[in-house]
């Protein structure tokens, strides 16, 4: 049996899908070939796990025709895919699965794609509005639909030996010590500016962590966020605050650096889910998005959010122009939660 999993396109969503991937692997692994269909930039995210037999890369907007929809559909037909599980909700993914000849196509009825599915799940609604539910549960329902037994919600990632060697080099170059885990700061927000906490706040928080908690601070970043990371270091003005701006930024190295940290303070973005999957406590700074999508009882998490009428607007930029949801989330509020998490060192217990 050949099973294709159309995996989420965003880093955080892919991490929240790991319980579902694990469940399907446990149910069918050994008796079936499991293929993960995913964006090329996420290639390293699942390295170190053994759930998938193959990874196929798919990007409908890629310059390379071999990564586009028709190429994937033809490959699915050649490889005789029996079952396609669609963790993505797009019409395109359902169309490709149908064109690819998958005999069974399981997914949520969204965006007019119901007729293309042979196994249909319906999202919960209140009237015409979708009910906000944790993404982990939404994905796990797909595993249940293909016959998987109940599975833990625990997020899971792994690292390879190469990842760990790369992280060793990063820690040595930055003067960090494995016996003294740093606190991570993640200021990214690919969704839009509304998710971002002010850079000045991050700089002040880093300084307070060094002065008040006697911990080193490592500022994470992606390729497009190097300048932000450098600015946080500059504003902190402490030698114990360093960044990944001049380091390798592949996902494997980032995972290994995250794995050996003490905890993470993060905006609502992909790295916070990676940290949770690698066993770190996470303080998440919420503004335009509601915490419900990322809720997971297996994580040690603090979700900081102000009590404002506009919270949960879901906009990429603040429609009111004041951005109070993040501007007024003070450094002292965040620092207090970091200090409390450091004081409580009990291990995370997975459900």
Protein backbone atom coordinates (compact mmCIF):
# COMPACT_ATOMS: atom_id res chain seq x y z
CA UNK A 1 0.00 0.00 0.00
CA UNK A 2 1.29 3.46 -0.93
CA UNK A 3 0.16 6.34 1.30
CA UNK A 4 0.82 10.00 0.54
CA UNK A 5 0.53 12.62 3.28
CA UNK A 6 0.05 16.17 2.00
CA UNK A 7 1.82 17.93 4.86
CA UNK A 8 1.22 21.51 6.08
CA UNK A 9 3.06 24.32 4.34
CA UNK A 10 4.10 26.31 7.42
CA UNK A 11 6.77 25.29 9.89
CA UNK A 12 4.58 25.59 12.98
CA UNK A 13 1.70 23.74 11.36
CA UNK A 14 4.02 20.92 10.30
CA UNK A 15 5.23 20.54 13.89
CA UNK A 16 1.64 20.47 15.14
CA UNK A 17 0.98 17.71 12.62
CA UNK A 18 3.69 15.42 14.04
CA UNK A 19 1.25 13.49 16.30
CA UNK A 20 -0.81 12.70 13.20
CA UNK A 21 2.23 11.64 11.16
CA UNK A 22 3.36 9.47 14.09
CA UNK A 23 -0.10 7.89 14.41
CA UNK A 24 -0.30 7.00 10.72
CA UNK A 25 3.24 5.61 10.80
CA UNK A 26 2.41 3.42 13.80
CA UNK A 27 -0.74 2.16 12.15
CA UNK A 28 0.60 1.47 8.65
CA UNK A 29 4.40 1.51 8.95
CA UNK A 30 6.03 -1.71 7.85
CA UNK A 31 3.03 -2.74 5.78
CA UNK A 32 2.90 0.39 3.65
CA UNK A 33 5.17 2.98 2.07
CA UNK A 34 4.58 6.41 3.60
CA UNK A 35 5.41 9.43 1.46
CA UNK A 36 5.42 12.94 2.87
CA UNK A 37 4.57 15.62 0.30
CA UNK A 38 5.95 18.91 1.57
CA UNK A 39 7.47 22.28 0.78
CA UNK A 40 11.21 22.08 -0.03
CA UNK A 41 12.18 24.57 2.68
CA UNK A 42 10.79 22.20 5.34
CA UNK A 43 12.93 19.27 4.18
CA UNK A 44 15.08 19.08 7.33
CA UNK A 45 12.28 19.51 9.83
CA UNK A 46 11.43 15.83 10.14
CA UNK A 47 15.01 14.58 9.82
CA UNK A 48 15.94 12.32 12.71
CA UNK A 49 12.47 10.75 12.87
CA UNK A 50 11.62 7.46 11.16
CA UNK A 51 7.97 8.00 10.28
CA UNK A 52 8.27 8.62 6.54
CA UNK A 53 9.83 6.35 3.95
CA UNK A 54 10.20 9.14 1.40
CA UNK A 55 9.84 12.91 1.09
CA UNK A 56 8.51 14.41 -2.14
CA UNK A 57 8.82 18.16 -2.58
CA UNK A 58 5.93 20.20 -3.90
CA UNK A 59 5.67 23.93 -4.51
CA UNK A 60 3.06 25.02 -7.05
CA UNK A 61 4.75 28.42 -7.45
CA UNK A 62 8.29 27.08 -7.89
CA UNK A 63 10.38 28.09 -10.90
CA UNK A 64 11.33 24.43 -11.30
CA UNK A 65 8.50 22.65 -13.19
CA UNK A 66 9.45 19.40 -11.44
CA UNK A 67 8.06 20.82 -8.19
CA UNK A 68 4.70 21.96 -9.58
CA UNK A 69 1.25 20.43 -9.55
CA UNK A 70 1.28 18.51 -12.84
CA UNK A 71 4.65 16.96 -12.08
CA UNK A 72 3.45 15.78 -8.69
CA UNK A 73 0.21 14.37 -10.14
CA UNK A 74 2.16 12.43 -12.75
CA UNK A 75 4.54 11.07 -10.12
CA UNK A 76 1.61 9.96 -7.96
CA UNK A 77 0.18 8.05 -10.93
CA UNK A 78 3.52 6.41 -11.69
CA UNK A 79 3.96 5.37 -8.06
CA UNK A 80 0.33 4.18 -7.76
CA UNK A 81 -0.69 6.04 -4.62
CA UNK A 82 -3.54 4.21 -2.91
CA UNK A 83 -4.40 6.68 -0.15
CA UNK A 84 -3.86 10.44 0.08
CA UNK A 85 -4.38 12.12 3.46
CA UNK A 86 -4.71 15.88 3.04
CA UNK A 87 -3.51 17.82 6.07
CA UNK A 88 -3.69 20.94 3.91
CA UNK A 89 -7.09 22.51 3.26
CA UNK A 90 -6.49 23.92 -0.21
CA UNK A 91 -8.49 23.11 -3.32
CA UNK A 92 -5.19 22.64 -5.12
CA UNK A 93 -4.00 19.76 -2.92
CA UNK A 94 -7.29 17.91 -3.37
CA UNK A 95 -7.14 18.48 -7.12
CA UNK A 96 -3.59 17.13 -7.34
CA UNK A 97 -4.55 14.06 -5.29
CA UNK A 98 -7.49 13.46 -7.63
CA UNK A 99 -5.41 14.02 -10.78
CA UNK A 100 -2.73 11.80 -9.26
CA UNK A 101 -5.14 8.88 -9.20
CA UNK A 102 -5.19 8.25 -5.44
CA UNK A 103 -8.04 5.78 -4.92
CA UNK A 104 -8.87 7.24 -1.51
CA UNK A 105 -8.59 10.94 -0.71
CA UNK A 106 -9.24 11.93 2.90
CA UNK A 107 -9.54 15.54 4.01
CA UNK A 108 -11.70 18.35 5.33
CA UNK A 109 -14.49 19.73 3.19
CA UNK A 110 -13.21 23.25 2.70
CA UNK A 111 -12.98 25.70 -0.20
CA UNK A 112 -15.32 23.77 -2.48
CA UNK A 113 -13.23 20.62 -2.66
CA UNK A 114 -15.76 18.19 -1.20
CA UNK A 115 -16.54 16.44 -4.54
CA UNK A 116 -12.84 15.60 -4.95
CA UNK A 117 -12.69 13.69 -1.65
CA UNK A 118 -13.71 10.09 -1.04
CA UNK A 119 -13.47 10.45 2.75
CA UNK A 120 -14.90 13.74 3.99
CA UNK A 121 -14.43 15.40 7.38
CA UNK A 122 -16.49 18.47 8.18
CA UNK A 123 -15.05 21.24 10.36
CA UNK A 124 -17.17 22.26 13.33
CA UNK A 125 -19.25 25.37 12.76
CA UNK A 126 -21.45 27.72 14.72
CA UNK A 127 -23.83 28.86 12.06
CA UNK A 128 -21.63 29.78 9.12
CA UNK A 129 -18.54 30.45 11.21
CA UNK A 130 -15.83 27.88 11.84
CA UNK A 131 -15.25 26.92 15.46
CA UNK A 132 -11.69 27.62 16.61
CA UNK A 133 -10.09 24.34 17.69
CA UNK A 134 -6.50 23.28 18.47
CA UNK A 135 -4.71 22.39 15.27
CA UNK A 136 -3.27 19.24 16.86
CA UNK A 137 -6.79 17.87 17.36
CA UNK A 138 -7.89 18.95 13.88
CA UNK A 139 -5.01 17.02 12.34
CA UNK A 140 -5.45 13.99 14.61
CA UNK A 141 -9.04 13.62 13.43
CA UNK A 142 -7.62 12.79 10.00
CA UNK A 143 -5.59 9.98 11.54
CA UNK A 144 -8.76 8.67 13.17
CA UNK A 145 -10.55 8.81 9.82
CA UNK A 146 -8.07 6.35 8.30
CA UNK A 147 -8.37 3.92 11.19
CA UNK A 148 -5.61 4.98 13.57
CA UNK A 149 -6.23 4.44 17.29
CA UNK A 150 -6.07 7.31 19.76
CA UNK A 151 -2.66 9.01 19.77
CA UNK A 152 -0.92 11.35 22.21
CA UNK A 153 -1.03 15.05 21.35
CA UNK A 154 2.67 15.29 22.19
CA UNK A 155 4.60 17.21 19.55
CA UNK A 156 7.81 15.51 18.52
CA UNK A 157 10.97 16.41 16.62
CA UNK A 158 14.44 14.92 16.55
CA UNK A 159 17.97 15.89 15.58
CA UNK A 160 20.69 14.05 13.69
CA UNK A 161 24.36 13.66 14.56
CA UNK A 162 25.18 16.22 11.89
CA UNK A 163 22.72 18.68 13.45
CA UNK A 164 24.37 18.24 16.84
CA UNK A 165 27.87 18.73 15.45
CA UNK A 166 26.74 21.93 13.75
CA UNK A 167 25.20 23.17 17.01
CA UNK A 168 28.45 22.32 18.83
CA UNK A 169 30.28 24.62 16.43
CA UNK A 170 27.71 27.39 16.93
CA UNK A 171 27.93 27.19 20.71
CA UNK A 172 31.72 27.21 20.60
CA UNK A 173 31.81 30.21 18.26
CA UNK A 174 29.34 32.18 20.38
CA UNK A 175 30.93 31.26 23.72
CA UNK A 176 27.89 29.33 24.94
CA UNK A 177 28.26 26.28 27.17
CA UNK A 178 26.11 23.15 27.05
CA UNK A 179 26.27 22.85 30.83
CA UNK A 180 24.69 26.30 31.13
CA UNK A 181 21.67 26.30 28.78
CA UNK A 182 20.84 29.72 27.31
CA UNK A 183 17.44 31.32 27.15
CA UNK A 184 16.21 31.72 23.57
CA UNK A 185 14.48 34.77 22.15
CA UNK A 186 12.53 34.39 18.91
CA UNK A 187 11.21 37.57 17.33
CA UNK A 188 10.05 36.13 13.98
CA UNK A 189 6.59 36.48 12.49
CA UNK A 190 6.24 35.50 8.85
CA UNK A 191 2.44 35.96 9.09
CA UNK A 192 2.76 39.73 9.36
CA UNK A 193 3.85 42.75 11.38
CA UNK A 194 0.90 42.46 13.77
CA UNK A 195 2.49 39.41 15.43
CA UNK A 196 5.77 41.18 16.19
CA UNK A 197 6.82 42.38 19.64
CA UNK A 198 8.88 45.60 19.51
CA UNK A 199 12.60 45.05 19.01
CA UNK A 200 13.29 47.45 21.88
CA UNK A 201 11.28 45.20 24.19
CA UNK A 202 13.33 42.17 23.16
CA UNK A 203 16.56 44.07 23.78
CA UNK A 204 15.43 45.17 27.24
CA UNK A 205 14.20 41.66 28.09
CA UNK A 206 17.56 40.16 27.09
CA UNK A 207 19.36 42.65 29.34
CA UNK A 208 17.07 41.88 32.28
CA UNK A 209 17.56 38.14 31.85
CA UNK A 210 21.34 38.54 31.97
CA UNK A 211 21.32 40.98 34.89
CA UNK A 212 18.48 39.47 36.92
CA UNK A 213 18.64 35.75 36.18
CA UNK A 214 22.32 35.26 35.35
CA UNK A 215 21.59 33.39 32.11
CA UNK A 216 23.08 33.74 28.66
CA UNK A 217 20.67 34.71 25.88
CA UNK A 218 20.67 33.40 22.31
CA UNK A 219 18.62 35.37 19.78
CA UNK A 220 17.23 33.14 17.02
CA UNK A 221 16.53 34.34 13.50
CA UNK A 222 15.79 33.24 9.99
CA UNK A 223 17.62 34.42 6.85
CA UNK A 224 15.35 37.48 6.56
CA UNK A 225 15.64 38.41 10.24
CA UNK A 226 19.39 38.72 10.66
CA UNK A 227 19.27 42.51 11.07
CA UNK A 228 16.57 42.25 13.73
CA UNK A 229 18.68 39.73 15.66
CA UNK A 230 21.74 41.98 15.44
CA UNK A 231 19.68 44.93 16.67
CA UNK A 232 18.38 42.99 19.69
CA UNK A 233 21.98 42.17 20.62
CA UNK A 234 22.99 45.81 20.18
CA UNK A 235 20.13 47.08 22.31
CA UNK A 236 20.78 44.53 25.05
CA UNK A 237 24.37 45.74 25.32
CA UNK A 238 25.57 42.69 27.23
CA UNK A 239 28.32 40.27 26.10
CA UNK A 240 26.16 37.37 27.30
CA UNK A 241 23.56 38.21 24.62
CA UNK A 242 24.48 36.69 21.24
CA UNK A 243 22.60 35.86 18.05
CA UNK A 244 22.41 33.37 15.21
CA UNK A 245 22.77 36.16 12.64
CA UNK A 246 26.27 35.05 11.54
CA UNK A 247 25.66 31.32 12.04
CA UNK A 248 24.25 28.55 9.80
CA UNK A 249 20.48 28.96 9.65
CA UNK A 250 19.43 25.57 8.34
CA UNK A 251 16.59 23.89 10.22
CA UNK A 252 18.77 21.06 11.49
CA UNK A 253 21.23 23.40 13.21
CA UNK A 254 18.38 25.46 14.60
CA UNK A 255 16.68 22.38 16.04
CA UNK A 256 19.86 21.25 17.76
CA UNK A 257 20.48 24.72 19.21
CA UNK A 258 16.90 24.89 20.46
CA UNK A 259 17.08 21.41 21.98
CA UNK A 260 19.96 22.35 24.31
CA UNK A 261 18.41 25.61 25.57
CA UNK A 262 16.63 26.30 28.89
CA UNK A 263 13.43 27.87 27.56
CA UNK A 264 12.15 30.11 24.78
CA UNK A 265 10.38 33.46 24.67
CA UNK A 266 8.67 33.75 21.31
CA UNK A 267 6.15 35.52 19.19
CA UNK A 268 3.36 33.34 17.83
CA UNK A 269 5.45 31.74 15.10
CA UNK A 270 6.88 28.42 13.97
CA UNK A 271 9.95 28.20 16.26
CA UNK A 272 7.75 28.20 19.36
CA UNK A 273 6.21 24.91 18.23
CA UNK A 274 9.64 23.47 17.45
CA UNK A 275 10.76 24.39 20.98
CA UNK A 276 7.73 22.66 22.50
CA UNK A 277 8.37 19.57 20.37
CA UNK A 278 11.96 19.47 21.64
CA UNK A 279 10.85 19.66 25.29
CA UNK A 280 11.36 23.34 26.12
CA UNK A 281 8.98 25.49 28.15
CA UNK A 282 7.77 28.39 26.01
CA UNK A 283 6.48 31.86 26.83
CA UNK A 284 4.43 32.97 23.82
CA UNK A 285 3.49 36.59 23.14
CA UNK A 286 0.05 36.74 21.54
CA UNK A 287 -1.63 39.62 19.77
CA UNK A 288 -3.77 39.27 16.64
CA UNK A 289 -4.16 35.50 16.83
CA UNK A 290 -5.90 33.53 19.57
CA UNK A 291 -3.93 30.88 21.52
CA UNK A 292 -6.54 28.19 20.86
CA UNK A 293 -4.92 26.93 17.63
CA UNK A 294 -1.67 26.13 19.39
CA UNK A 295 -3.13 24.79 22.63
CA UNK A 296 -1.67 21.48 23.76
CA UNK A 297 -1.85 20.04 27.29
CA UNK A 298 1.42 18.14 26.83
CA UNK A 299 3.45 21.37 26.73
CA UNK A 300 4.78 23.59 29.51
CA UNK A 301 3.55 26.85 28.08
CA UNK A 302 2.67 30.36 29.19
CA UNK A 303 0.46 32.30 26.78
CA UNK A 304 0.66 36.05 27.39
CA UNK A 305 -2.18 38.12 25.98
CA UNK A 306 -3.73 41.43 26.94
CA UNK A 307 -7.43 41.87 27.68
CA UNK A 308 -8.33 44.15 24.77
CA UNK A 309 -11.48 44.32 22.69
CA UNK A 310 -9.46 43.92 19.48
CA UNK A 311 -7.55 40.80 20.54
CA UNK A 312 -7.96 38.01 18.02
CA UNK A 313 -8.49 40.25 14.99
CA UNK A 314 -6.36 37.83 12.89
CA UNK A 315 -5.02 40.72 10.78
CA UNK A 316 -1.50 40.80 9.37
CA UNK A 317 -1.16 44.48 10.24
CA UNK A 318 -3.03 46.32 12.98
CA UNK A 319 -6.27 47.66 11.42
CA UNK A 320 -6.54 50.34 14.15
CA UNK A 321 -2.97 51.49 13.63
CA UNK A 322 -1.99 51.42 17.32
CA UNK A 323 -0.79 47.80 17.71
CA UNK A 324 -1.56 47.96 21.43
CA UNK A 325 -1.87 44.18 21.71
CA UNK A 326 1.92 43.89 21.41
CA UNK A 327 3.13 47.39 22.28
CA UNK A 328 1.51 47.28 25.72
CA UNK A 329 2.66 43.76 26.54
CA UNK A 330 5.41 44.95 28.84
CA UNK A 331 8.91 43.63 29.38
CA UNK A 332 8.19 43.24 33.10
CA UNK A 333 5.20 40.98 32.37
CA UNK A 334 7.32 38.71 30.19
CA UNK A 335 10.32 38.73 32.53
CA UNK A 336 8.13 37.65 35.47
CA UNK A 337 6.95 34.59 33.55
CA UNK A 338 10.50 33.69 32.47
CA UNK A 339 11.70 33.89 36.07
CA UNK A 340 8.87 31.70 37.30
CA UNK A 341 9.53 29.03 34.65
CA UNK A 342 13.22 28.94 35.54
CA UNK A 343 12.38 28.37 39.19
CA UNK A 344 10.25 25.32 38.35
CA UNK A 345 12.52 22.68 36.86
CA UNK A 346 10.22 19.67 36.92
CA UNK A 347 10.35 17.67 33.67
CA UNK A 348 7.61 17.84 31.09
CA UNK A 349 5.24 14.87 31.33
CA UNK A 350 3.69 13.86 28.02
CA UNK A 351 0.01 13.01 27.94
